């Protein structure tokens, strides 16, 4: 009888112990917190926290909720007094949170299934330089520059050797490049790194971050977007924190943290419609420059 009673008491005690979730949780940033300190406390790497929350060139702000992938669930504590005056700790599980910035399911477009077979091979620096600079006289004569607002350059037939056309050829060829937070090489790129790298092949210098890139060029209305314009989104911060290159037909190419690669998405996707903040034009043909 005593043994049975002991087992019952033991089971009751075990049932009262709160379970720790290893699947992940959230962390509310407190004063003095650093990314490394948060990572150590949840037993995950700082890089995984950055990737899960789309953290870029921004400091952690007090009160910000971070998604902790695969770490111990963050829990709130509050003290209460029992009837006998003893202090007990009551744990409340953190509420579930929406997926982090750029971790939303995007609509797949029919254009992605029509990519040529050789585009699945990773590009090389030399190949991208050739795409950016090679201009055939016959093609140049047959392909007038694409005027702003005319839509995407033709995909097939005579090559478009305008500055926009050459930029988009480079950008499309980088569709197989993997996403890497803070990456600036063909081994991996983040969103602003992809844009900076693409423009660099045309010998055009851009700042490193999406926030700084938003300060460049001339503002363009969404209805007047032209291939080669930069489109910006507000994801994890109040300022523009994600950027892509407009292709035409409401499509843009960008380095997606969710899909872990450079890919094409639609501006009509609800996630991007909600977060769109504007566009900038940096490319101008000679006949577009106003005297």
Protein backbone atom coordinates (compact mmCIF):
# COMPACT_ATOMS: atom_id res chain seq x y z
CA UNK A 1 0.00 0.00 0.00
CA UNK A 2 2.80 2.39 0.91
CA UNK A 3 4.58 1.61 -2.36
CA UNK A 4 1.43 2.36 -4.39
CA UNK A 5 0.92 5.64 -2.52
CA UNK A 6 4.55 6.63 -3.23
CA UNK A 7 4.10 5.98 -6.96
CA UNK A 8 0.92 8.09 -7.08
CA UNK A 9 2.65 11.03 -5.32
CA UNK A 10 5.66 10.77 -7.64
CA UNK A 11 3.45 10.87 -10.75
CA UNK A 12 1.60 13.90 -9.41
CA UNK A 13 4.87 15.76 -8.82
CA UNK A 14 6.14 14.94 -12.33
CA UNK A 15 2.89 16.14 -13.88
CA UNK A 16 3.26 19.48 -12.11
CA UNK A 17 6.71 20.15 -13.62
CA UNK A 18 6.37 22.36 -16.73
CA UNK A 19 7.66 20.83 -19.93
CA UNK A 20 10.44 22.58 -21.81
CA UNK A 21 9.87 22.95 -25.52
CA UNK A 22 12.87 22.05 -27.65
CA UNK A 23 11.09 22.89 -30.89
CA UNK A 24 11.67 26.61 -30.47
CA UNK A 25 10.16 29.64 -28.76
CA UNK A 26 10.51 33.38 -28.43
CA UNK A 27 12.69 35.78 -26.51
CA UNK A 28 11.80 39.34 -25.54
CA UNK A 29 14.89 41.55 -25.73
CA UNK A 30 15.81 43.14 -22.38
CA UNK A 31 18.21 45.93 -21.57
CA UNK A 32 21.77 44.65 -21.80
CA UNK A 33 20.92 41.72 -24.09
CA UNK A 34 23.23 40.94 -26.99
CA UNK A 35 22.70 38.44 -29.79
CA UNK A 36 25.49 36.26 -28.41
CA UNK A 37 24.07 36.34 -24.89
CA UNK A 38 20.59 35.41 -26.16
CA UNK A 39 22.02 32.59 -28.28
CA UNK A 40 23.91 31.12 -25.31
CA UNK A 41 20.88 31.29 -23.03
CA UNK A 42 18.75 29.36 -25.54
CA UNK A 43 21.51 26.96 -26.62
CA UNK A 44 21.36 27.92 -30.31
CA UNK A 45 23.81 29.73 -32.57
CA UNK A 46 23.61 33.47 -33.17
CA UNK A 47 23.59 32.80 -36.92
CA UNK A 48 20.40 30.72 -36.65
CA UNK A 49 18.67 33.48 -34.67
CA UNK A 50 19.73 36.06 -37.28
CA UNK A 51 18.43 33.93 -40.14
CA UNK A 52 15.13 33.09 -38.40
CA UNK A 53 14.39 36.76 -37.70
CA UNK A 54 15.86 38.31 -40.84
CA UNK A 55 18.14 40.47 -38.73
CA UNK A 56 20.30 42.75 -40.82
CA UNK A 57 22.28 45.87 -40.00
CA UNK A 58 20.10 46.72 -37.04
CA UNK A 59 20.62 46.81 -33.31
CA UNK A 60 18.41 44.86 -30.98
CA UNK A 61 15.75 47.09 -29.47
CA UNK A 62 14.38 46.57 -25.98
CA UNK A 63 11.00 44.85 -26.10
CA UNK A 64 11.54 43.24 -29.53
CA UNK A 65 10.35 39.63 -29.77
CA UNK A 66 12.78 37.24 -31.40
CA UNK A 67 11.90 33.80 -32.71
CA UNK A 68 14.31 31.21 -31.29
CA UNK A 69 14.65 28.28 -33.75
CA UNK A 70 15.17 24.93 -32.08
CA UNK A 71 16.06 26.46 -28.71
CA UNK A 72 14.38 26.32 -25.35
CA UNK A 73 11.06 28.13 -25.34
CA UNK A 74 11.25 31.46 -23.60
CA UNK A 75 8.83 31.71 -20.72
CA UNK A 76 7.60 34.52 -18.55
CA UNK A 77 7.93 34.31 -14.79
CA UNK A 78 5.80 35.92 -12.18
CA UNK A 79 5.98 35.48 -8.44
CA UNK A 80 2.97 34.62 -6.34
CA UNK A 81 2.41 33.84 -2.69
CA UNK A 82 0.82 30.63 -1.56
CA UNK A 83 -1.59 30.48 1.34
CA UNK A 84 1.27 29.62 3.70
CA UNK A 85 3.35 32.65 2.70
CA UNK A 86 5.87 30.74 0.59
CA UNK A 87 7.03 32.13 -2.75
CA UNK A 88 6.38 29.95 -5.75
CA UNK A 89 7.36 30.48 -9.40
CA UNK A 90 4.54 30.31 -11.93
CA UNK A 91 5.67 29.73 -15.52
CA UNK A 92 3.56 30.91 -18.44
CA UNK A 93 4.42 29.59 -21.89
CA UNK A 94 5.20 32.30 -24.43
CA UNK A 95 2.41 32.67 -27.03
CA UNK A 96 2.96 31.39 -30.53
CA UNK A 97 4.20 34.05 -32.92
CA UNK A 98 3.85 34.55 -36.66
CA UNK A 99 6.76 33.46 -38.86
CA UNK A 100 9.68 35.91 -38.86
CA UNK A 101 10.23 38.49 -41.62
CA UNK A 102 10.88 36.98 -45.06
CA UNK A 103 9.74 33.57 -43.73
CA UNK A 104 6.39 33.70 -45.45
CA UNK A 105 5.24 31.28 -48.15
CA UNK A 106 5.46 33.05 -51.50
CA UNK A 107 3.37 32.43 -54.57
CA UNK A 108 5.21 30.42 -57.20
CA UNK A 109 5.03 31.86 -60.69
CA UNK A 110 4.89 29.94 -63.97
CA UNK A 111 8.07 31.71 -65.11
CA UNK A 112 10.18 29.68 -62.63
CA UNK A 113 9.31 26.36 -64.27
CA UNK A 114 10.41 27.64 -67.69
CA UNK A 115 14.05 28.24 -66.80
CA UNK A 116 16.57 26.76 -69.27
CA UNK A 117 18.40 23.65 -68.10
CA UNK A 118 21.82 25.31 -68.07
CA UNK A 119 20.55 27.98 -65.66
CA UNK A 120 20.57 25.35 -62.90
CA UNK A 121 24.38 25.37 -62.94
CA UNK A 122 25.93 27.88 -60.52
CA UNK A 123 27.32 30.91 -62.38
CA UNK A 124 30.94 31.95 -62.35
CA UNK A 125 32.35 35.46 -62.00
CA UNK A 126 33.71 35.27 -65.55
CA UNK A 127 30.33 34.23 -66.97
CA UNK A 128 28.52 37.08 -65.24
CA UNK A 129 31.10 39.61 -66.42
CA UNK A 130 30.56 38.39 -69.98
CA UNK A 131 26.78 38.69 -69.63
CA UNK A 132 27.15 42.24 -68.31
CA UNK A 133 29.62 43.45 -70.94
CA UNK A 134 29.22 41.45 -74.14
CA UNK A 135 27.40 43.52 -76.76
CA UNK A 136 27.04 42.18 -80.30
CA UNK A 137 26.81 44.87 -82.96
CA UNK A 138 24.01 43.09 -84.83
CA UNK A 139 21.95 42.65 -81.68
CA UNK A 140 22.59 46.20 -80.56
CA UNK A 141 21.28 47.53 -83.88
CA UNK A 142 18.18 45.34 -83.74
CA UNK A 143 17.41 45.94 -80.04
CA UNK A 144 16.61 49.53 -79.10
CA UNK A 145 16.90 50.45 -75.39
CA UNK A 146 13.89 49.59 -73.24
CA UNK A 147 12.11 52.82 -72.27
CA UNK A 148 10.97 53.21 -68.63
CA UNK A 149 7.57 51.69 -67.92
CA UNK A 150 7.53 49.46 -71.00
CA UNK A 151 7.58 46.18 -69.05
CA UNK A 152 10.13 43.37 -68.99
CA UNK A 153 12.63 42.87 -71.80
CA UNK A 154 11.79 40.04 -74.14
CA UNK A 155 12.92 36.63 -72.90
CA UNK A 156 14.09 35.07 -76.13
CA UNK A 157 14.94 36.22 -79.63
CA UNK A 158 17.29 39.17 -80.03
CA UNK A 159 19.27 40.07 -76.92
CA UNK A 160 18.48 43.35 -75.17
CA UNK A 161 21.78 45.20 -74.82
CA UNK A 162 20.43 48.25 -73.00
CA UNK A 163 21.87 48.81 -69.54
CA UNK A 164 18.63 47.44 -68.05
CA UNK A 165 18.78 44.36 -70.27
CA UNK A 166 22.36 43.58 -69.30
CA UNK A 167 21.56 44.04 -65.60
CA UNK A 168 18.60 41.66 -65.80
CA UNK A 169 20.63 39.03 -67.67
CA UNK A 170 23.09 39.00 -64.79
CA UNK A 171 20.34 38.95 -62.17
CA UNK A 172 18.47 36.05 -63.82
CA UNK A 173 21.65 34.02 -64.15
CA UNK A 174 22.15 34.30 -60.38
CA UNK A 175 18.89 32.48 -59.57
CA UNK A 176 20.80 29.44 -58.31
CA UNK A 177 23.02 31.39 -55.90
CA UNK A 178 22.21 30.36 -52.30
CA UNK A 179 21.04 32.78 -49.61
CA UNK A 180 23.53 33.59 -46.91
CA UNK A 181 23.05 36.29 -44.29
CA UNK A 182 25.78 38.89 -44.70
CA UNK A 183 27.04 37.13 -47.83
CA UNK A 184 28.72 39.12 -50.61
CA UNK A 185 30.07 36.35 -52.90
CA UNK A 186 28.60 33.76 -55.26
CA UNK A 187 28.91 31.23 -52.41
CA UNK A 188 25.98 33.05 -50.78
CA UNK A 189 24.24 36.43 -50.80
CA UNK A 190 21.62 38.23 -48.75
CA UNK A 191 19.09 40.61 -50.33
CA UNK A 192 21.18 43.80 -50.39
CA UNK A 193 24.34 41.80 -51.16
CA UNK A 194 22.62 40.34 -54.22
CA UNK A 195 21.59 43.80 -55.49
CA UNK A 196 25.04 45.26 -54.80
CA UNK A 197 26.76 42.33 -56.52
CA UNK A 198 24.51 42.49 -59.58
CA UNK A 199 25.10 46.21 -60.10
CA UNK A 200 28.85 45.74 -59.53
CA UNK A 201 29.07 43.61 -62.70
CA UNK A 202 28.01 46.73 -64.61
CA UNK A 203 30.68 48.71 -62.72
CA UNK A 204 28.02 50.54 -60.69
CA UNK A 205 28.71 50.98 -56.99
CA UNK A 206 25.90 50.69 -54.44
CA UNK A 207 25.90 50.85 -50.63
CA UNK A 208 25.85 47.54 -48.75
CA UNK A 209 22.54 47.69 -46.87
CA UNK A 210 18.94 47.91 -48.13
CA UNK A 211 18.44 50.95 -45.90
CA UNK A 212 21.34 52.79 -47.55
CA UNK A 213 20.36 51.66 -51.05
CA UNK A 214 16.92 53.22 -50.49
CA UNK A 215 18.67 56.61 -50.30
CA UNK A 216 20.07 56.23 -53.84
CA UNK A 217 18.46 57.10 -57.19
CA UNK A 218 15.14 58.73 -58.00
CA UNK A 219 11.81 57.80 -56.45
CA UNK A 220 9.45 55.92 -58.78
CA UNK A 221 5.70 55.36 -58.40
CA UNK A 222 4.63 51.73 -58.34
CA UNK A 223 2.55 52.25 -61.48
CA UNK A 224 5.63 53.55 -63.34
CA UNK A 225 8.05 50.75 -62.45
CA UNK A 226 10.57 49.83 -65.15
CA UNK A 227 12.88 46.79 -65.40
CA UNK A 228 16.02 47.40 -63.38
CA UNK A 229 14.33 49.57 -60.73
CA UNK A 230 14.91 48.59 -57.11
CA UNK A 231 11.84 47.66 -55.05
CA UNK A 232 11.93 47.94 -51.26
CA UNK A 233 10.00 46.35 -48.41
CA UNK A 234 9.69 46.95 -44.68
CA UNK A 235 10.10 43.51 -43.04
CA UNK A 236 11.72 43.36 -39.59
CA UNK A 237 12.29 47.10 -39.06
CA UNK A 238 10.52 50.42 -39.51
CA UNK A 239 12.90 51.37 -42.33
CA UNK A 240 13.35 49.56 -45.69
CA UNK A 241 15.03 46.27 -44.78
CA UNK A 242 14.52 44.10 -47.87
CA UNK A 243 15.26 44.87 -51.53
CA UNK A 244 14.94 43.26 -54.96
CA UNK A 245 15.30 44.11 -58.65
CA UNK A 246 12.14 44.69 -60.69
CA UNK A 247 11.84 42.51 -63.81
CA UNK A 248 8.56 43.75 -65.29
CA UNK A 249 5.03 42.28 -65.25
CA UNK A 250 4.87 42.80 -61.46
CA UNK A 251 7.78 40.39 -60.91
CA UNK A 252 11.01 41.00 -59.03
CA UNK A 253 14.14 38.95 -58.34
CA UNK A 254 15.64 38.87 -54.85
CA UNK A 255 17.63 36.78 -52.37
CA UNK A 256 14.99 35.10 -50.18
CA UNK A 257 15.90 34.00 -46.65
CA UNK A 258 12.92 31.64 -46.56
CA UNK A 259 13.74 29.81 -49.79
CA UNK A 260 17.48 30.09 -49.12
CA UNK A 261 18.29 31.23 -52.65
CA UNK A 262 17.94 33.98 -55.23
CA UNK A 263 14.47 33.65 -56.74
CA UNK A 264 11.64 35.42 -58.56
CA UNK A 265 8.46 36.51 -56.77
CA UNK A 266 5.39 38.57 -57.57
CA UNK A 267 4.67 42.01 -56.14
CA UNK A 268 1.05 40.82 -55.93
CA UNK A 269 1.94 38.27 -53.24
CA UNK A 270 0.04 39.43 -50.09
CA UNK A 271 3.20 39.36 -47.97
CA UNK A 272 4.97 41.81 -50.29
CA UNK A 273 1.87 43.93 -50.99
CA UNK A 274 1.58 44.61 -47.26
CA UNK A 275 5.26 45.46 -46.80
CA UNK A 276 6.03 47.38 -50.00
CA UNK A 277 7.46 50.84 -49.20
CA UNK A 278 8.63 52.19 -52.54
CA UNK A 279 10.99 51.97 -55.49
CA UNK A 280 14.09 53.77 -56.76
CA UNK A 281 15.49 54.15 -60.27
CA UNK A 282 19.26 54.13 -60.68
CA UNK A 283 19.61 53.15 -64.34
CA UNK A 284 19.18 55.70 -67.12
CA UNK A 285 19.99 55.38 -70.80
CA UNK A 286 21.77 58.33 -72.37
CA UNK A 287 18.60 59.53 -74.07
CA UNK A 288 16.78 59.49 -70.71
CA UNK A 289 19.15 61.93 -69.02
CA UNK A 290 17.67 65.42 -68.75
CA UNK A 291 20.00 68.32 -69.57
